[in-house]
Amino acid sequence: MECRLNEILRPGDITRLADKTGIHRNTIRRYKDNERLPKIDHAYKIADFFGKTVYDIWPPK
């Protein structure tokens, strides 16, 4: 499963996302760089922040 956060993120989004969701910036970077898959609650928080669905950000193959 490949993450599409790189296509969505703009400068400063990681900090705003971390502040709004409570997910650590380093964790978000790991998701963005495809080093980790998010826990389901993190995936929903991130998708909600961008007004997208989880499948928009982490599409099934």
N, C-alpha and C. Protein backbone atom coordinates (compact mmCIF):
# COMPACT_ATOMS: atom_id res chain seq x y z
N MET A 1 0.85 -1.16 0.00
CA MET A 1 0.00 0.00 0.00
C MET A 1 0.90 1.24 0.00
N GLU A 2 0.73 2.08 -0.98
CA GLU A 2 1.57 3.25 -1.08
C GLU A 2 0.83 4.50 -0.60
N CYS A 3 1.52 5.32 0.14
CA CYS A 3 0.95 6.53 0.71
C CYS A 3 1.04 7.67 -0.29
N ARG A 4 -0.04 8.43 -0.40
CA ARG A 4 -0.07 9.59 -1.31
C ARG A 4 0.04 10.92 -0.57
N LEU A 5 0.57 10.89 0.63
CA LEU A 5 0.71 12.14 1.39
C LEU A 5 1.63 13.13 0.67
N ASN A 6 2.64 12.64 -0.01
CA ASN A 6 3.56 13.54 -0.72
C ASN A 6 2.82 14.39 -1.74
N GLU A 7 1.76 13.86 -2.33
CA GLU A 7 1.00 14.59 -3.33
C GLU A 7 0.08 15.64 -2.69
N ILE A 8 -0.24 15.46 -1.42
CA ILE A 8 -1.21 16.30 -0.74
C ILE A 8 -0.55 17.38 0.11
N LEU A 9 0.58 17.03 0.74
CA LEU A 9 1.22 17.94 1.69
C LEU A 9 1.77 19.20 1.03
N ARG A 10 1.57 20.32 1.73
CA ARG A 10 2.17 21.59 1.34
C ARG A 10 3.11 22.01 2.46
N PRO A 11 3.96 23.00 2.21
CA PRO A 11 4.87 23.45 3.28
C PRO A 11 4.10 23.82 4.55
N GLY A 12 4.59 23.32 5.66
CA GLY A 12 3.98 23.59 6.96
C GLY A 12 2.85 22.66 7.35
N ASP A 13 2.39 21.81 6.43
CA ASP A 13 1.27 20.92 6.73
C ASP A 13 1.60 19.89 7.81
N ILE A 14 2.83 19.41 7.83
CA ILE A 14 3.17 18.37 8.81
C ILE A 14 3.03 18.93 10.22
N THR A 15 3.50 20.14 10.43
CA THR A 15 3.38 20.75 11.75
C THR A 15 1.93 21.00 12.12
N ARG A 16 1.14 21.55 11.19
CA ARG A 16 -0.28 21.79 11.46
C ARG A 16 -1.03 20.48 11.70
N LEU A 17 -0.70 19.47 10.90
CA LEU A 17 -1.33 18.16 11.04
C LEU A 17 -1.00 17.56 12.41
N ALA A 18 0.26 17.66 12.81
CA ALA A 18 0.68 17.13 14.11
C ALA A 18 -0.04 17.86 15.25
N ASP A 19 -0.12 19.17 15.15
CA ASP A 19 -0.80 19.95 16.19
C ASP A 19 -2.28 19.61 16.28
N LYS A 20 -2.93 19.47 15.15
CA LYS A 20 -4.38 19.23 15.11
C LYS A 20 -4.74 17.80 15.55
N THR A 21 -3.92 16.82 15.16
CA THR A 21 -4.27 15.42 15.39
C THR A 21 -3.61 14.80 16.62
N GLY A 22 -2.52 15.40 17.09
CA GLY A 22 -1.77 14.82 18.20
C GLY A 22 -0.82 13.71 17.77
N ILE A 23 -0.65 13.54 16.47
CA ILE A 23 0.28 12.54 15.94
C ILE A 23 1.64 13.24 15.81
N HIS A 24 2.68 12.61 16.32
CA HIS A 24 4.02 13.20 16.31
C HIS A 24 4.49 13.44 14.87
N ARG A 25 5.21 14.55 14.68
CA ARG A 25 5.72 14.89 13.34
C ARG A 25 6.58 13.79 12.73
N ASN A 26 7.42 13.17 13.54
CA ASN A 26 8.27 12.10 13.02
C ASN A 26 7.44 10.92 12.54
N THR A 27 6.36 10.63 13.23
CA THR A 27 5.47 9.54 12.83
C THR A 27 4.82 9.87 11.49
N ILE A 28 4.37 11.11 11.34
CA ILE A 28 3.76 11.52 10.07
C ILE A 28 4.78 11.42 8.94
N ARG A 29 6.01 11.81 9.18
CA ARG A 29 7.06 11.69 8.16
C ARG A 29 7.29 10.21 7.77
N ARG A 30 7.23 9.32 8.75
CA ARG A 30 7.40 7.89 8.44
C ARG A 30 6.25 7.39 7.57
N TYR A 31 5.04 7.87 7.84
CA TYR A 31 3.91 7.51 6.98
C TYR A 31 4.13 8.06 5.57
N LYS A 32 4.53 9.32 5.49
CA LYS A 32 4.74 9.99 4.21
C LYS A 32 5.82 9.29 3.38
N ASP A 33 6.86 8.85 4.04
CA ASP A 33 7.99 8.20 3.34
C ASP A 33 7.79 6.70 3.16
N ASN A 34 6.60 6.19 3.46
CA ASN A 34 6.26 4.77 3.33
C ASN A 34 7.14 3.87 4.18
N GLU A 35 7.60 4.39 5.31
CA GLU A 35 8.37 3.57 6.23
C GLU A 35 7.46 2.79 7.18
N ARG A 36 6.24 3.31 7.38
CA ARG A 36 5.27 2.68 8.27
C ARG A 36 3.87 2.89 7.71
N LEU A 37 3.00 1.98 8.06
CA LEU A 37 1.58 2.17 7.80
C LEU A 37 0.95 2.70 9.09
N PRO A 38 0.00 3.62 8.96
CA PRO A 38 -0.58 4.20 10.17
C PRO A 38 -1.55 3.26 10.86
N LYS A 39 -1.69 3.48 12.17
CA LYS A 39 -2.76 2.82 12.89
C LYS A 39 -4.06 3.37 12.31
N ILE A 40 -5.11 2.62 12.40
CA ILE A 40 -6.37 3.01 11.76
C ILE A 40 -6.88 4.36 12.27
N ASP A 41 -6.74 4.62 13.57
CA ASP A 41 -7.21 5.91 14.07
C ASP A 41 -6.37 7.06 13.54
N HIS A 42 -5.08 6.83 13.35
CA HIS A 42 -4.23 7.87 12.75
C HIS A 42 -4.61 8.10 11.29
N ALA A 43 -4.89 7.05 10.57
CA ALA A 43 -5.26 7.17 9.16
C ALA A 43 -6.53 8.01 9.02
N TYR A 44 -7.51 7.77 9.88
CA TYR A 44 -8.76 8.54 9.83
C TYR A 44 -8.54 10.01 10.22
N LYS A 45 -7.71 10.26 11.22
CA LYS A 45 -7.42 11.64 11.61
C LYS A 45 -6.73 12.41 10.49
N ILE A 46 -5.78 11.76 9.83
CA ILE A 46 -5.06 12.41 8.73
C ILE A 46 -6.00 12.67 7.56
N ALA A 47 -6.79 11.68 7.21
CA ALA A 47 -7.73 11.84 6.10
C ALA A 47 -8.73 12.96 6.41
N ASP A 48 -9.22 13.01 7.63
CA ASP A 48 -10.17 14.05 8.02
C ASP A 48 -9.53 15.44 7.93
N PHE A 49 -8.29 15.56 8.33
CA PHE A 49 -7.58 16.84 8.27
C PHE A 49 -7.57 17.39 6.85
N PHE A 50 -7.37 16.50 5.86
CA PHE A 50 -7.30 16.93 4.47
C PHE A 50 -8.65 16.89 3.75
N GLY A 51 -9.70 16.44 4.44
CA GLY A 51 -11.00 16.36 3.81
C GLY A 51 -11.06 15.26 2.75
N LYS A 52 -10.34 14.20 3.00
CA LYS A 52 -10.27 13.07 2.07
C LYS A 52 -10.67 11.80 2.79
N THR A 53 -10.76 10.71 2.04
CA THR A 53 -11.00 9.41 2.66
C THR A 53 -9.66 8.73 2.87
N VAL A 54 -9.66 7.73 3.73
CA VAL A 54 -8.44 6.95 3.96
C VAL A 54 -7.98 6.34 2.64
N TYR A 55 -8.93 5.90 1.80
CA TYR A 55 -8.58 5.27 0.52
C TYR A 55 -7.99 6.27 -0.47
N ASP A 56 -8.29 7.56 -0.32
CA ASP A 56 -7.67 8.57 -1.18
C ASP A 56 -6.17 8.69 -0.87
N ILE A 57 -5.82 8.52 0.38
CA ILE A 57 -4.42 8.68 0.80
C ILE A 57 -3.65 7.38 0.76
N TRP A 58 -4.29 6.28 1.15
CA TRP A 58 -3.67 4.96 1.11
C TRP A 58 -4.55 4.04 0.25
N PRO A 59 -4.45 4.17 -1.07
CA PRO A 59 -5.33 3.36 -1.93
C PRO A 59 -4.94 1.88 -1.90
N PRO A 60 -5.94 1.02 -1.94
CA PRO A 60 -5.62 -0.42 -2.01
C PRO A 60 -5.03 -0.74 -3.37
N LYS A 61 -4.20 -1.75 -3.40
CA LYS A 61 -3.58 -2.13 -4.69
C LYS A 61 -4.42 -3.16 -5.40
